[in-house]
Amino acid sequence: MDLDELVKRFQRKDVMAFEQLYGMYWENICGAIHVVVRDKYMAEEICQDVFTKVWHNAETYNPSKGRFFTWVLNIARNAAIDKVRSKSYKNQKKNLSADYFVGILNRADDIEEKDENPIDISALKAMVLDLKQKCLEIIEMLYFKGYTQKETSKQLDIPLGTVKTRNRSCISKLRENITVGWK
């Protein structure tokens, strides 16, 4: 059956047509969503919502304005962007702790012991551990938890200018550590 006929049947709420279109497009649509949200399970959830929305709004598709796939892809892209811009998504990203990222270094130690060609990450640890606690707090909030400088200022109860200055000096210190550590 040709695609145009399949889409017409879909618009008439033919479940078999929906299943065929879903099978044809699910993987690509989910992949496009994943590019935006960068989370496999969230992408799959949004993809399900997109296909539900497409099913309920099938009559709004107009073939003279573009291909069916492009129509679904635009709906998916908008849904993914809406999710990323949502307050719950941003808060979820802020809940990541620096301990999680320190844990990556610990897991790397375990891998290093089992690997025939181990990677020496002791220099990397030394570069980070050499930073002052103030720097670690600023870096954690700005780079690992996704806080803005203004939000960091409020959270740490320090002036915005201080956050900006500390951020610059901490990054400079980290660069200096990297330069010294890799020589």
C-alpha atoms as a PDB file:
ATOM      1  CA  MET A   1       0.000   0.000   0.000  1.00  0.00           C
ATOM      2  CA  ASP A   2       1.311   3.449  -0.808  1.00  0.00           C
ATOM      3  CA  LEU A   3       2.067   5.992   1.913  1.00  0.00           C
ATOM      4  CA  ASP A   4      -0.616   8.494   0.884  1.00  0.00           C
ATOM      5  CA  GLU A   5      -3.328   5.851   1.198  1.00  0.00           C
ATOM      6  CA  LEU A   6      -1.913   4.711   4.536  1.00  0.00           C
ATOM      7  CA  VAL A   7      -2.025   8.281   5.857  1.00  0.00           C
ATOM      8  CA  LYS A   8      -5.628   8.732   4.651  1.00  0.00           C
ATOM      9  CA  ARG A   9      -6.632   5.547   6.476  1.00  0.00           C
ATOM     10  CA  PHE A  10      -4.779   6.832   9.554  1.00  0.00           C
ATOM     11  CA  GLN A  11      -6.727  10.093   9.374  1.00  0.00           C
ATOM     12  CA  ARG A  12      -9.949   8.058   9.338  1.00  0.00           C
ATOM     13  CA  LYS A  13      -8.771   6.478  12.628  1.00  0.00           C
ATOM     14  CA  ASP A  14      -7.781   3.108  11.166  1.00  0.00           C
ATOM     15  CA  VAL A  15      -5.822   1.407  13.957  1.00  0.00           C
ATOM     16  CA  MET A  16      -3.957  -0.863  11.529  1.00  0.00           C
ATOM     17  CA  ALA A  17      -2.734   2.196   9.593  1.00  0.00           C
ATOM     18  CA  PHE A  18      -1.600   3.779  12.863  1.00  0.00           C
ATOM     19  CA  GLU A  19       0.343   0.640  13.781  1.00  0.00           C
ATOM     20  CA  GLN A  20       2.057   0.582  10.396  1.00  0.00           C
ATOM     21  CA  LEU A  21       3.007   4.262  10.545  1.00  0.00           C
ATOM     22  CA  TYR A  22       4.170   3.860  14.121  1.00  0.00           C
ATOM     23  CA  GLY A  23       6.358   0.923  13.100  1.00  0.00           C
ATOM     24  CA  MET A  24       7.778   2.890  10.191  1.00  0.00           C
ATOM     25  CA  TYR A  25       8.598   6.060  12.102  1.00  0.00           C
ATOM     26  CA  TRP A  26       8.969   5.265  15.806  1.00  0.00           C
ATOM     27  CA  GLU A  27      12.731   4.720  15.793  1.00  0.00           C
ATOM     28  CA  ASN A  28      13.525   7.885  13.816  1.00  0.00           C
ATOM     29  CA  ILE A  29      11.142  10.070  15.807  1.00  0.00           C
ATOM     30  CA  CYS A  30      12.471   8.729  19.103  1.00  0.00           C
ATOM     31  CA  GLY A  31      16.033   9.345  17.897  1.00  0.00           C
ATOM     32  CA  ALA A  32      15.235  12.944  16.992  1.00  0.00           C
ATOM     33  CA  ILE A  33      13.733  13.503  20.444  1.00  0.00           C
ATOM     34  CA  HIS A  34      16.765  11.894  22.086  1.00  0.00           C
ATOM     35  CA  VAL A  35      19.057  14.411  20.372  1.00  0.00           C
ATOM     36  CA  VAL A  36      17.226  17.183  22.246  1.00  0.00           C
ATOM     37  CA  VAL A  37      16.597  15.613  25.678  1.00  0.00           C
ATOM     38  CA  ARG A  38      19.676  13.345  25.826  1.00  0.00           C
ATOM     39  CA  ASP A  39      17.895  10.716  27.897  1.00  0.00           C
ATOM     40  CA  LYS A  40      16.779   7.429  26.348  1.00  0.00           C
ATOM     41  CA  TYR A  41      13.834   6.756  28.652  1.00  0.00           C
ATOM     42  CA  MET A  42      12.586  10.324  28.550  1.00  0.00           C
ATOM     43  CA  ALA A  43      12.848  10.272  24.744  1.00  0.00           C
ATOM     44  CA  GLU A  44      10.779   7.087  24.591  1.00  0.00           C
ATOM     45  CA  GLU A  45       8.158   8.590  26.909  1.00  0.00           C
ATOM     46  CA  ILE A  46       7.923  11.776  24.847  1.00  0.00           C
ATOM     47  CA  CYS A  47       7.753   9.689  21.663  1.00  0.00           C
ATOM     48  CA  GLN A  48       4.723   7.832  23.029  1.00  0.00           C
ATOM     49  CA  ASP A  49       3.080  11.151  23.856  1.00  0.00           C
ATOM     50  CA  VAL A  50       3.857  12.441  20.357  1.00  0.00           C
ATOM     51  CA  PHE A  51       2.202   9.476  18.673  1.00  0.00           C
ATOM     52  CA  THR A  52      -0.825   9.857  20.935  1.00  0.00           C
ATOM     53  CA  LYS A  53      -1.024  13.524  20.000  1.00  0.00           C
ATOM     54  CA  VAL A  54      -0.624  12.709  16.309  1.00  0.00           C
ATOM     55  CA  TRP A  55      -3.447  10.143  16.590  1.00  0.00           C
ATOM     56  CA  HIS A  56      -5.793  12.639  18.250  1.00  0.00           C
ATOM     57  CA  ASN A  57      -4.924  15.403  15.780  1.00  0.00           C
ATOM     58  CA  ALA A  58      -4.683  13.314  12.611  1.00  0.00           C
ATOM     59  CA  GLU A  59      -7.289  15.414  10.831  1.00  0.00           C
ATOM     60  CA  THR A  60      -5.066  18.500  11.087  1.00  0.00           C
ATOM     61  CA  TYR A  61      -2.390  16.977   8.851  1.00  0.00           C
ATOM     62  CA  ASN A  62      -2.462  18.615   5.419  1.00  0.00           C
ATOM     63  CA  PRO A  63      -0.458  16.800   2.723  1.00  0.00           C
ATOM     64  CA  SER A  64      -0.201  19.963   0.630  1.00  0.00           C
ATOM     65  CA  LYS A  65       1.942  21.558   3.374  1.00  0.00           C
ATOM     66  CA  GLY A  66       4.529  18.786   3.601  1.00  0.00           C
ATOM     67  CA  ARG A  67       5.256  15.126   4.117  1.00  0.00           C
ATOM     68  CA  PHE A  68       3.582  13.182   6.912  1.00  0.00           C
ATOM     69  CA  PHE A  69       6.936  12.272   8.446  1.00  0.00           C
ATOM     70  CA  THR A  70       7.949  15.946   8.551  1.00  0.00           C
ATOM     71  CA  TRP A  71       4.661  16.826  10.262  1.00  0.00           C
ATOM     72  CA  VAL A  72       5.235  14.174  12.947  1.00  0.00           C
ATOM     73  CA  LEU A  73       8.879  15.187  13.299  1.00  0.00           C
ATOM     74  CA  ASN A  74       7.921  18.834  13.919  1.00  0.00           C
ATOM     75  CA  ILE A  75       5.447  17.786  16.601  1.00  0.00           C
ATOM     76  CA  ALA A  76       8.144  15.617  18.198  1.00  0.00           C
ATOM     77  CA  ARG A  77      10.762  18.351  18.052  1.00  0.00           C
ATOM     78  CA  ASN A  78       8.406  20.856  19.656  1.00  0.00           C
ATOM     79  CA  ALA A  79       7.463  18.367  22.387  1.00  0.00           C
ATOM     80  CA  ALA A  80      11.145  17.695  23.139  1.00  0.00           C
ATOM     81  CA  ILE A  81      11.956  21.407  23.278  1.00  0.00           C
ATOM     82  CA  ASP A  82       8.952  22.036  25.531  1.00  0.00           C
ATOM     83  CA  LYS A  83      10.211  19.309  27.870  1.00  0.00           C
ATOM     84  CA  VAL A  84      13.737  20.746  28.016  1.00  0.00           C
ATOM     85  CA  ARG A  85      12.353  24.205  28.734  1.00  0.00           C
ATOM     86  CA  SER A  86      10.020  22.934  31.451  1.00  0.00           C
ATOM     87  CA  LYS A  87      10.699  23.805  35.059  1.00  0.00           C
ATOM     88  CA  SER A  88      10.591  20.136  36.134  1.00  0.00           C
ATOM     89  CA  TYR A  89      13.306  19.215  33.609  1.00  0.00           C
ATOM     90  CA  LYS A  90      15.553  22.054  34.783  1.00  0.00           C
ATOM     91  CA  ASN A  91      14.991  21.132  38.424  1.00  0.00           C
ATOM     92  CA  GLN A  92      15.769  17.499  37.670  1.00  0.00           C
ATOM     93  CA  LYS A  93      19.111  18.549  36.182  1.00  0.00           C
ATOM     94  CA  LYS A  94      19.874  20.701  39.225  1.00  0.00           C
ATOM     95  CA  ASN A  95      19.405  17.706  41.508  1.00  0.00           C
ATOM     96  CA  LEU A  96      22.541  16.040  40.207  1.00  0.00           C
ATOM     97  CA  SER A  97      25.159  16.078  42.901  1.00  0.00           C
ATOM     98  CA  ALA A  98      28.856  16.554  42.373  1.00  0.00           C
ATOM     99  CA  ASP A  99      29.157  13.267  44.284  1.00  0.00           C
ATOM    100  CA  TYR A 100      27.740  11.593  41.178  1.00  0.00           C
ATOM    101  CA  PHE A 101      30.587  12.967  39.098  1.00  0.00           C
ATOM    102  CA  VAL A 102      33.175  12.150  41.757  1.00  0.00           C
ATOM    103  CA  GLY A 103      31.694   8.641  41.626  1.00  0.00           C
ATOM    104  CA  ILE A 104      32.658   8.493  37.972  1.00  0.00           C
ATOM    105  CA  LEU A 105      36.276   8.936  39.008  1.00  0.00           C
ATOM    106  CA  ASN A 106      35.875   6.159  41.590  1.00  0.00           C
ATOM    107  CA  ARG A 107      34.333   3.830  38.997  1.00  0.00           C
ATOM    108  CA  ALA A 108      37.198   4.711  36.690  1.00  0.00           C
ATOM    109  CA  ASP A 109      39.581   3.401  39.391  1.00  0.00           C
ATOM    110  CA  ASP A 110      37.717   0.074  39.369  1.00  0.00           C
ATOM    111  CA  ILE A 111      37.906  -0.099  35.580  1.00  0.00           C
ATOM    112  CA  GLU A 112      41.562   0.896  35.696  1.00  0.00           C
ATOM    113  CA  GLU A 113      42.369  -2.106  37.912  1.00  0.00           C
ATOM    114  CA  LYS A 114      40.651  -4.532  35.524  1.00  0.00           C
ATOM    115  CA  ASP A 115      41.879  -2.939  32.281  1.00  0.00           C
ATOM    116  CA  GLU A 116      45.039  -4.213  30.611  1.00  0.00           C
ATOM    117  CA  ASN A 117      45.876  -0.647  29.498  1.00  0.00           C
ATOM    118  CA  PRO A 118      44.877   1.404  32.524  1.00  0.00           C
ATOM    119  CA  ILE A 119      44.302   5.141  32.313  1.00  0.00           C
ATOM    120  CA  ASP A 120      46.059   7.140  34.994  1.00  0.00           C
ATOM    121  CA  ILE A 121      43.454   9.526  36.371  1.00  0.00           C
ATOM    122  CA  SER A 122      45.380  10.398  39.517  1.00  0.00           C
ATOM    123  CA  ALA A 123      46.564  13.625  37.886  1.00  0.00           C
ATOM    124  CA  LEU A 124      42.973  14.575  37.082  1.00  0.00           C
ATOM    125  CA  LYS A 125      41.922  13.898  40.677  1.00  0.00           C
ATOM    126  CA  ALA A 126      44.822  15.983  41.974  1.00  0.00           C
ATOM    127  CA  MET A 127      43.846  18.894  39.723  1.00  0.00           C
ATOM    128  CA  VAL A 128      40.300  18.918  41.040  1.00  0.00           C
ATOM    129  CA  LEU A 129      41.118  18.164  44.671  1.00  0.00           C
ATOM    130  CA  ASP A 130      43.651  21.021  44.671  1.00  0.00           C
ATOM    131  CA  LEU A 131      40.789  23.514  44.284  1.00  0.00           C
ATOM    132  CA  LYS A 132      39.476  25.340  47.326  1.00  0.00           C
ATOM    133  CA  GLN A 133      36.057  24.425  48.727  1.00  0.00           C
ATOM    134  CA  LYS A 134      34.636  27.740  47.440  1.00  0.00           C
ATOM    135  CA  CYS A 135      35.705  26.784  43.920  1.00  0.00           C
ATOM    136  CA  LEU A 136      34.257  23.308  44.213  1.00  0.00           C
ATOM    137  CA  GLU A 137      30.893  24.781  45.313  1.00  0.00           C
ATOM    138  CA  ILE A 138      30.797  27.270  42.441  1.00  0.00           C
ATOM    139  CA  ILE A 139      31.829  24.693  39.829  1.00  0.00           C
ATOM    140  CA  GLU A 140      29.359  22.145  41.168  1.00  0.00           C
ATOM    141  CA  MET A 141      26.448  24.573  41.010  1.00  0.00           C
ATOM    142  CA  LEU A 142      27.279  26.191  37.673  1.00  0.00           C
ATOM    143  CA  TYR A 143      28.540  23.209  35.705  1.00  0.00           C
ATOM    144  CA  PHE A 144      27.143  20.066  37.326  1.00  0.00           C
ATOM    145  CA  LYS A 145      23.796  21.247  38.672  1.00  0.00           C
ATOM    146  CA  GLY A 146      22.986  23.713  35.904  1.00  0.00           C
ATOM    147  CA  TYR A 147      22.378  26.759  38.087  1.00  0.00           C
ATOM    148  CA  THR A 148      22.725  30.175  36.531  1.00  0.00           C
ATOM    149  CA  GLN A 149      25.144  32.637  38.111  1.00  0.00           C
ATOM    150  CA  LYS A 150      22.184  34.549  39.543  1.00  0.00           C
ATOM    151  CA  GLU A 151      20.671  31.369  41.049  1.00  0.00           C
ATOM    152  CA  THR A 152      24.065  30.434  42.478  1.00  0.00           C
ATOM    153  CA  SER A 153      24.317  33.875  44.033  1.00  0.00           C
ATOM    154  CA  LYS A 154      20.963  33.437  45.770  1.00  0.00           C
ATOM    155  CA  GLN A 155      21.651  29.840  46.829  1.00  0.00           C
ATOM    156  CA  LEU A 156      25.050  30.662  48.349  1.00  0.00           C
ATOM    157  CA  ASP A 157      23.857  34.040  49.630  1.00  0.00           C
ATOM    158  CA  ILE A 158      26.738  35.937  48.059  1.00  0.00           C
ATOM    159  CA  PRO A 159      26.731  38.856  45.604  1.00  0.00           C
ATOM    160  CA  LEU A 160      26.422  38.081  41.897  1.00  0.00           C
ATOM    161  CA  GLY A 161      29.734  39.823  41.199  1.00  0.00           C
ATOM    162  CA  THR A 162      31.445  37.520  43.698  1.00  0.00           C
ATOM    163  CA  VAL A 163      30.042  34.466  41.906  1.00  0.00           C
ATOM    164  CA  LYS A 164      31.333  35.763  38.570  1.00  0.00           C
ATOM    165  CA  THR A 165      34.775  36.577  39.984  1.00  0.00           C
ATOM    166  CA  ARG A 166      35.092  33.237  41.785  1.00  0.00           C
ATOM    167  CA  ASN A 167      33.969  31.386  38.679  1.00  0.00           C
ATOM    168  CA  ARG A 168      36.646  33.090  36.575  1.00  0.00           C
ATOM    169  CA  SER A 169      39.372  32.556  39.154  1.00  0.00           C
ATOM    170  CA  CYS A 170      38.354  28.927  39.773  1.00  0.00           C
ATOM    171  CA  ILE A 171      38.384  28.121  36.071  1.00  0.00           C
ATOM    172  CA  SER A 172      41.774  29.856  35.782  1.00  0.00           C
ATOM    173  CA  LYS A 173      43.090  27.751  38.676  1.00  0.00           C
ATOM    174  CA  LEU A 174      41.724  24.597  37.039  1.00  0.00           C
ATOM    175  CA  ARG A 175      43.406  25.556  33.747  1.00  0.00           C
ATOM    176  CA  GLU A 176      46.647  26.190  35.619  1.00  0.00           C
ATOM    177  CA  ASN A 177      46.364  22.784  37.311  1.00  0.00           C
ATOM    178  CA  ILE A 178      45.726  21.132  33.950  1.00  0.00           C
ATOM    179  CA  THR A 179      48.721  22.838  32.357  1.00  0.00           C
ATOM    180  CA  VAL A 180      51.004  21.825  35.215  1.00  0.00           C
ATOM    181  CA  GLY A 181      49.485  18.323  35.471  1.00  0.00           C
ATOM    182  CA  TRP A 182      49.908  17.410  31.826  1.00  0.00           C
ATOM    183  CA  LYS A 183      53.531  18.528  31.441  1.00  0.00           C
END
